[in-house]
Amino acid sequence: MCSKKPALQNQHGQSLIETLFVLFVLAVVCGVVASSMRWVQHKIQIQAAAEDMLNAVLTARTEALRREKRVTLCVAEATHNSALPNQCETTKQSAGGTPATWQQGWLMFVDDNSNGIWDPTEALLQQHPSLAAAVSATGNSTVNRYVSFGANGRSLILNGGFQAGTLTFCERDALASSGWLLVINAIGRPRLERAQVANCW
């Protein structure tokens, strides 16, 4: 009876270079995925902030009509935590030296003395905390500090003239990024629209 010798099996292990190459490819893929996830997260945060502001503007207008009193939204004083703000920003710069913007959050209140600043004797209707760090929320000169509605629901500046303007929501420090514009027309009706923002700060 003839016996057969077992065939030698070719067993090749991976070389160090092959292992390093695989690890490099995995690192690149993970980096791309992580970058995409951050981009998606920022996009969601920007849209959510714009929608929150739209809802606040609509609510302020409704409250002004319902109460037949001036109702104002103001840029909140910057806070260093997630606590709800309890004061309007009264300076052009926040405590950290950066320009005061809607990113700091906002207050909604019945503006009995029409000064655009919440006083403790006035009814406080809403407090919104600061937005996500990646979100920039700025208004042009007419709406950079406050948005205010008279008893008839029209948007008004403090001296009683009509107020119209645009708030821009985009990714902070991004160039040519997609964002949202909250446009308030001369009679106080807001609309939200997508936009390409050339320079977001």
C-alpha atoms as a PDB file:
ATOM      1  CA  MET A   1       0.000   0.000   0.000  1.00  0.00           C
ATOM      2  CA  CYS A   2       1.469   3.246  -1.100  1.00  0.00           C
ATOM      3  CA  SER A   3       1.363   6.154   1.285  1.00  0.00           C
ATOM      4  CA  LYS A   4       0.997   9.682   0.025  1.00  0.00           C
ATOM      5  CA  LYS A   5       2.804  12.540   1.558  1.00  0.00           C
ATOM      6  CA  PRO A   6       0.550  15.496   2.405  1.00  0.00           C
ATOM      7  CA  ALA A   7       0.975  18.303  -0.067  1.00  0.00           C
ATOM      8  CA  LEU A   8       2.698  21.344   1.300  1.00  0.00           C
ATOM      9  CA  GLN A   9       0.257  24.253   1.538  1.00  0.00           C
ATOM     10  CA  ASN A  10       1.449  27.613   0.455  1.00  0.00           C
ATOM     11  CA  GLN A  11       0.822  29.918   3.396  1.00  0.00           C
ATOM     12  CA  HIS A  12       1.656  33.508   2.702  1.00  0.00           C
ATOM     13  CA  GLY A  13       1.295  36.118   5.439  1.00  0.00           C
ATOM     14  CA  GLN A  14       0.830  39.818   4.772  1.00  0.00           C
ATOM     15  CA  SER A  15       3.976  41.843   4.587  1.00  0.00           C
ATOM     16  CA  LEU A  16       4.468  44.915   6.747  1.00  0.00           C
ATOM     17  CA  ILE A  17       4.151  47.174   3.691  1.00  0.00           C
ATOM     18  CA  GLU A  18       0.820  45.624   2.735  1.00  0.00           C
ATOM     19  CA  THR A  19      -0.484  46.069   6.280  1.00  0.00           C
ATOM     20  CA  LEU A  20       0.618  49.699   6.391  1.00  0.00           C
ATOM     21  CA  PHE A  21      -1.009  50.345   3.011  1.00  0.00           C
ATOM     22  CA  VAL A  22      -4.326  48.904   4.216  1.00  0.00           C
ATOM     23  CA  LEU A  23      -4.149  51.011   7.383  1.00  0.00           C
ATOM     24  CA  PHE A  24      -3.410  54.108   5.288  1.00  0.00           C
ATOM     25  CA  VAL A  25      -6.429  53.478   3.047  1.00  0.00           C
ATOM     26  CA  LEU A  26      -8.632  52.957   6.110  1.00  0.00           C
ATOM     27  CA  ALA A  27      -7.374  56.207   7.654  1.00  0.00           C
ATOM     28  CA  VAL A  28      -8.151  58.141   4.462  1.00  0.00           C
ATOM     29  CA  VAL A  29     -11.648  56.649   4.236  1.00  0.00           C
ATOM     30  CA  CYS A  30     -12.337  57.405   7.903  1.00  0.00           C
ATOM     31  CA  GLY A  31     -11.131  60.988   7.443  1.00  0.00           C
ATOM     32  CA  VAL A  32     -13.416  61.518   4.439  1.00  0.00           C
ATOM     33  CA  VAL A  33     -16.393  60.048   6.299  1.00  0.00           C
ATOM     34  CA  ALA A  34     -15.711  62.168   9.395  1.00  0.00           C
ATOM     35  CA  SER A  35     -15.429  65.315   7.263  1.00  0.00           C
ATOM     36  CA  SER A  36     -18.705  64.504   5.509  1.00  0.00           C
ATOM     37  CA  MET A  37     -20.416  63.888   8.841  1.00  0.00           C
ATOM     38  CA  ARG A  38     -19.251  67.282  10.151  1.00  0.00           C
ATOM     39  CA  TRP A  39     -20.489  68.984   6.983  1.00  0.00           C
ATOM     40  CA  VAL A  40     -23.906  67.324   7.311  1.00  0.00           C
ATOM     41  CA  GLN A  41     -24.096  68.194  11.018  1.00  0.00           C
ATOM     42  CA  HIS A  42     -23.259  71.847  10.338  1.00  0.00           C
ATOM     43  CA  LYS A  43     -25.802  71.974   7.517  1.00  0.00           C
ATOM     44  CA  ILE A  44     -28.514  70.653   9.853  1.00  0.00           C
ATOM     45  CA  GLN A  45     -27.526  73.105  12.605  1.00  0.00           C
ATOM     46  CA  ILE A  46     -27.666  76.063  10.207  1.00  0.00           C
ATOM     47  CA  GLN A  47     -31.093  75.121   8.867  1.00  0.00           C
ATOM     48  CA  ALA A  48     -32.425  74.501  12.397  1.00  0.00           C
ATOM     49  CA  ALA A  49     -31.168  77.925  13.543  1.00  0.00           C
ATOM     50  CA  ALA A  50     -32.784  79.671  10.571  1.00  0.00           C
ATOM     51  CA  GLU A  51     -36.081  77.885  11.193  1.00  0.00           C
ATOM     52  CA  ASP A  52     -35.956  78.735  14.914  1.00  0.00           C
ATOM     53  CA  MET A  53     -35.496  82.400  14.054  1.00  0.00           C
ATOM     54  CA  LEU A  54     -38.310  82.306  11.497  1.00  0.00           C
ATOM     55  CA  ASN A  55     -40.631  80.804  14.122  1.00  0.00           C
ATOM     56  CA  ALA A  56     -39.568  83.468  16.635  1.00  0.00           C
ATOM     57  CA  VAL A  57     -40.269  86.286  14.166  1.00  0.00           C
ATOM     58  CA  LEU A  58     -43.672  84.823  13.285  1.00  0.00           C
ATOM     59  CA  THR A  59     -44.507  84.391  16.979  1.00  0.00           C
ATOM     60  CA  ALA A  60     -43.445  87.958  17.796  1.00  0.00           C
ATOM     61  CA  ARG A  61     -45.661  89.301  15.016  1.00  0.00           C
ATOM     62  CA  THR A  62     -48.613  87.169  16.188  1.00  0.00           C
ATOM     63  CA  GLU A  63     -48.131  88.278  19.798  1.00  0.00           C
ATOM     64  CA  ALA A  64     -48.005  91.937  18.765  1.00  0.00           C
ATOM     65  CA  LEU A  65     -51.334  91.553  16.945  1.00  0.00           C
ATOM     66  CA  ARG A  66     -52.914  89.539  19.749  1.00  0.00           C
ATOM     67  CA  ARG A  67     -51.808  91.868  22.548  1.00  0.00           C
ATOM     68  CA  GLU A  68     -52.111  95.042  20.463  1.00  0.00           C
ATOM     69  CA  LYS A  69     -48.720  96.090  21.805  1.00  0.00           C
ATOM     70  CA  ARG A  70     -45.190  96.375  20.438  1.00  0.00           C
ATOM     71  CA  VAL A  71     -43.304  93.072  20.700  1.00  0.00           C
ATOM     72  CA  THR A  72     -39.543  92.960  20.139  1.00  0.00           C
ATOM     73  CA  LEU A  73     -36.860  90.338  19.534  1.00  0.00           C
ATOM     74  CA  CYS A  74     -33.390  91.448  20.643  1.00  0.00           C
ATOM     75  CA  VAL A  75     -29.910  89.944  20.402  1.00  0.00           C
ATOM     76  CA  ALA A  76     -29.207  88.361  23.788  1.00  0.00           C
ATOM     77  CA  GLU A  77     -26.212  89.191  25.883  1.00  0.00           C
ATOM     78  CA  ALA A  78     -23.542  86.552  25.274  1.00  0.00           C
ATOM     79  CA  THR A  79     -23.345  83.770  27.850  1.00  0.00           C
ATOM     80  CA  HIS A  80     -20.512  81.295  28.430  1.00  0.00           C
ATOM     81  CA  ASN A  81     -22.761  78.316  29.065  1.00  0.00           C
ATOM     82  CA  SER A  82     -25.994  76.824  27.800  1.00  0.00           C
ATOM     83  CA  ALA A  83     -28.124  78.811  30.235  1.00  0.00           C
ATOM     84  CA  LEU A  84     -31.033  80.788  28.857  1.00  0.00           C
ATOM     85  CA  PRO A  85     -30.149  84.458  28.333  1.00  0.00           C
ATOM     86  CA  ASN A  86     -31.892  87.063  30.472  1.00  0.00           C
ATOM     87  CA  GLN A  87     -30.613  90.355  29.039  1.00  0.00           C
ATOM     88  CA  CYS A  88     -30.394  92.081  25.689  1.00  0.00           C
ATOM     89  CA  GLU A  89     -26.942  92.908  24.337  1.00  0.00           C
ATOM     90  CA  THR A  90     -26.550  96.665  24.720  1.00  0.00           C
ATOM     91  CA  THR A  91     -23.129  97.069  23.111  1.00  0.00           C
ATOM     92  CA  LYS A  92     -21.830  96.473  19.592  1.00  0.00           C
ATOM     93  CA  GLN A  93     -19.422  93.848  20.913  1.00  0.00           C
ATOM     94  CA  SER A  94     -19.937  90.899  23.218  1.00  0.00           C
ATOM     95  CA  ALA A  95     -17.886  90.378  26.372  1.00  0.00           C
ATOM     96  CA  GLY A  96     -15.315  88.387  24.374  1.00  0.00           C
ATOM     97  CA  GLY A  97     -14.651  91.329  22.061  1.00  0.00           C
ATOM     98  CA  THR A  98     -16.423  89.790  19.031  1.00  0.00           C
ATOM     99  CA  PRO A  99     -19.233  91.659  17.229  1.00  0.00           C
ATOM    100  CA  ALA A 100     -22.624  91.060  18.848  1.00  0.00           C
ATOM    101  CA  THR A 101     -24.780  88.860  16.583  1.00  0.00           C
ATOM    102  CA  TRP A 102     -27.914  86.732  16.679  1.00  0.00           C
ATOM    103  CA  GLN A 103     -25.640  83.716  17.241  1.00  0.00           C
ATOM    104  CA  GLN A 104     -25.716  84.733  20.920  1.00  0.00           C
ATOM    105  CA  GLY A 105     -29.422  83.859  21.107  1.00  0.00           C
ATOM    106  CA  TRP A 106     -32.370  86.189  21.590  1.00  0.00           C
ATOM    107  CA  LEU A 107     -35.140  87.413  23.857  1.00  0.00           C
ATOM    108  CA  MET A 108     -38.752  88.125  22.915  1.00  0.00           C
ATOM    109  CA  PHE A 109     -40.666  90.592  25.051  1.00  0.00           C
ATOM    110  CA  VAL A 110     -43.467  93.129  25.177  1.00  0.00           C
ATOM    111  CA  ASP A 111     -41.614  96.377  24.518  1.00  0.00           C
ATOM    112  CA  ASP A 112     -43.800  98.797  26.482  1.00  0.00           C
ATOM    113  CA  ASN A 113     -41.346 101.693  26.265  1.00  0.00           C
ATOM    114  CA  SER A 114     -40.261 100.978  22.658  1.00  0.00           C
ATOM    115  CA  ASN A 115     -36.536 101.070  23.455  1.00  0.00           C
ATOM    116  CA  GLY A 116     -35.613  97.671  21.962  1.00  0.00           C
ATOM    117  CA  ILE A 117     -34.228  96.409  25.292  1.00  0.00           C
ATOM    118  CA  TRP A 118     -36.009  94.149  27.752  1.00  0.00           C
ATOM    119  CA  ASP A 119     -36.675  95.733  31.133  1.00  0.00           C
ATOM    120  CA  PRO A 120     -37.638  93.556  34.135  1.00  0.00           C
ATOM    121  CA  THR A 121     -41.051  95.260  34.319  1.00  0.00           C
ATOM    122  CA  GLU A 122     -41.904  94.092  30.757  1.00  0.00           C
ATOM    123  CA  ALA A 123     -43.434  90.699  29.930  1.00  0.00           C
ATOM    124  CA  LEU A 124     -40.749  88.246  28.771  1.00  0.00           C
ATOM    125  CA  LEU A 125     -42.242  85.898  26.165  1.00  0.00           C
ATOM    126  CA  GLN A 126     -39.311  83.792  24.959  1.00  0.00           C
ATOM    127  CA  GLN A 127     -35.652  83.083  25.674  1.00  0.00           C
ATOM    128  CA  HIS A 128     -33.486  81.304  23.116  1.00  0.00           C
ATOM    129  CA  PRO A 129     -29.971  80.112  24.014  1.00  0.00           C
ATOM    130  CA  SER A 130     -26.916  80.731  21.848  1.00  0.00           C
ATOM    131  CA  LEU A 131     -26.696  78.821  18.578  1.00  0.00           C
ATOM    132  CA  ALA A 132     -24.209  76.063  17.752  1.00  0.00           C
ATOM    133  CA  ALA A 133     -20.619  77.301  17.501  1.00  0.00           C
ATOM    134  CA  ALA A 134     -20.447  76.493  13.782  1.00  0.00           C
ATOM    135  CA  VAL A 135     -23.445  78.716  12.979  1.00  0.00           C
ATOM    136  CA  SER A 136     -23.089  82.362  12.012  1.00  0.00           C
ATOM    137  CA  ALA A 137     -26.267  84.452  12.307  1.00  0.00           C
ATOM    138  CA  THR A 138     -25.958  88.097  11.304  1.00  0.00           C
ATOM    139  CA  GLY A 139     -28.395  90.794  10.258  1.00  0.00           C
ATOM    140  CA  ASN A 140     -27.859  93.775   8.010  1.00  0.00           C
ATOM    141  CA  SER A 141     -27.879  97.241   9.542  1.00  0.00           C
ATOM    142  CA  THR A 142     -31.652  97.438  10.034  1.00  0.00           C
ATOM    143  CA  VAL A 143     -32.019  94.107  11.835  1.00  0.00           C
ATOM    144  CA  ASN A 144     -28.568  93.517  13.336  1.00  0.00           C
ATOM    145  CA  ARG A 145     -29.701  94.162  16.934  1.00  0.00           C
ATOM    146  CA  TYR A 146     -33.466  93.778  17.073  1.00  0.00           C
ATOM    147  CA  VAL A 147     -36.649  92.979  15.141  1.00  0.00           C
ATOM    148  CA  SER A 148     -39.757  94.741  16.410  1.00  0.00           C
ATOM    149  CA  PHE A 149     -43.470  94.642  15.578  1.00  0.00           C
ATOM    150  CA  GLY A 150     -46.097  97.254  16.331  1.00  0.00           C
ATOM    151  CA  ALA A 151     -49.644  96.583  17.483  1.00  0.00           C
ATOM    152  CA  ASN A 152     -50.784  96.328  13.852  1.00  0.00           C
ATOM    153  CA  GLY A 153     -48.218  93.597  13.066  1.00  0.00           C
ATOM    154  CA  ARG A 154     -45.945  95.811  10.981  1.00  0.00           C
ATOM    155  CA  SER A 155     -42.201  95.692  11.610  1.00  0.00           C
ATOM    156  CA  LEU A 156     -40.976  98.969  13.086  1.00  0.00           C
ATOM    157  CA  ILE A 157     -37.708 100.610  14.026  1.00  0.00           C
ATOM    158  CA  LEU A 158     -37.617 102.328  17.405  1.00  0.00           C
ATOM    159  CA  ASN A 159     -38.683 105.735  16.080  1.00  0.00           C
ATOM    160  CA  GLY A 160     -41.759 104.210  14.437  1.00  0.00           C
ATOM    161  CA  GLY A 161     -40.529 103.981  10.838  1.00  0.00           C
ATOM    162  CA  PHE A 162     -40.907 100.718   8.913  1.00  0.00           C
ATOM    163  CA  GLN A 163     -38.269  98.045   9.418  1.00  0.00           C
ATOM    164  CA  ALA A 164     -37.143  95.666   6.679  1.00  0.00           C
ATOM    165  CA  GLY A 165     -33.965  93.631   6.502  1.00  0.00           C
ATOM    166  CA  THR A 166     -32.236  90.308   6.035  1.00  0.00           C
ATOM    167  CA  LEU A 167     -30.670  87.887   8.496  1.00  0.00           C
ATOM    168  CA  THR A 168     -28.040  85.512   7.108  1.00  0.00           C
ATOM    169  CA  PHE A 169     -27.410  82.024   8.510  1.00  0.00           C
ATOM    170  CA  CYS A 170     -24.310  80.193   7.288  1.00  0.00           C
ATOM    171  CA  GLU A 171     -21.282  78.184   8.398  1.00  0.00           C
ATOM    172  CA  ARG A 172     -18.896  80.364  10.395  1.00  0.00           C
ATOM    173  CA  ASP A 173     -15.625  81.281   8.635  1.00  0.00           C
ATOM    174  CA  ALA A 174     -16.637  79.486   5.432  1.00  0.00           C
ATOM    175  CA  LEU A 175     -16.162  80.728   1.879  1.00  0.00           C
ATOM    176  CA  ALA A 176     -18.835  80.221  -0.789  1.00  0.00           C
ATOM    177  CA  SER A 177     -21.021  78.141   1.509  1.00  0.00           C
ATOM    178  CA  SER A 178     -24.711  77.373   1.252  1.00  0.00           C
ATOM    179  CA  GLY A 179     -26.903  79.017   3.848  1.00  0.00           C
ATOM    180  CA  TRP A 180     -30.285  80.569   4.528  1.00  0.00           C
ATOM    181  CA  LEU A 181     -31.646  84.098   4.331  1.00  0.00           C
ATOM    182  CA  LEU A 182     -34.487  85.257   6.547  1.00  0.00           C
ATOM    183  CA  VAL A 183     -35.980  88.213   4.711  1.00  0.00           C
ATOM    184  CA  ILE A 184     -38.397  90.538   6.541  1.00  0.00           C
ATOM    185  CA  ASN A 185     -40.311  92.840   4.203  1.00  0.00           C
ATOM    186  CA  ALA A 186     -41.588  96.342   4.851  1.00  0.00           C
ATOM    187  CA  ILE A 187     -44.887  95.159   6.318  1.00  0.00           C
ATOM    188  CA  GLY A 188     -43.234  92.636   8.639  1.00  0.00           C
ATOM    189  CA  ARG A 189     -43.836  89.400   6.761  1.00  0.00           C
ATOM    190  CA  PRO A 190     -40.822  87.060   6.919  1.00  0.00           C
ATOM    191  CA  ARG A 191     -39.757  84.428   4.414  1.00  0.00           C
ATOM    192  CA  LEU A 192     -36.921  81.910   4.455  1.00  0.00           C
ATOM    193  CA  GLU A 193     -34.887  81.107   1.346  1.00  0.00           C
ATOM    194  CA  ARG A 194     -31.756  79.186   0.449  1.00  0.00           C
ATOM    195  CA  ALA A 195     -28.721  81.149  -0.657  1.00  0.00           C
ATOM    196  CA  GLN A 196     -25.037  80.895  -1.508  1.00  0.00           C
ATOM    197  CA  VAL A 197     -23.032  83.033   0.909  1.00  0.00           C
ATOM    198  CA  ALA A 198     -19.755  84.309  -0.515  1.00  0.00           C
ATOM    199  CA  ASN A 199     -18.105  85.024   2.822  1.00  0.00           C
ATOM    200  CA  CYS A 200     -19.495  83.868   6.155  1.00  0.00           C
ATOM    201  CA  TRP A 201     -17.991  85.251   9.376  1.00  0.00           C
END
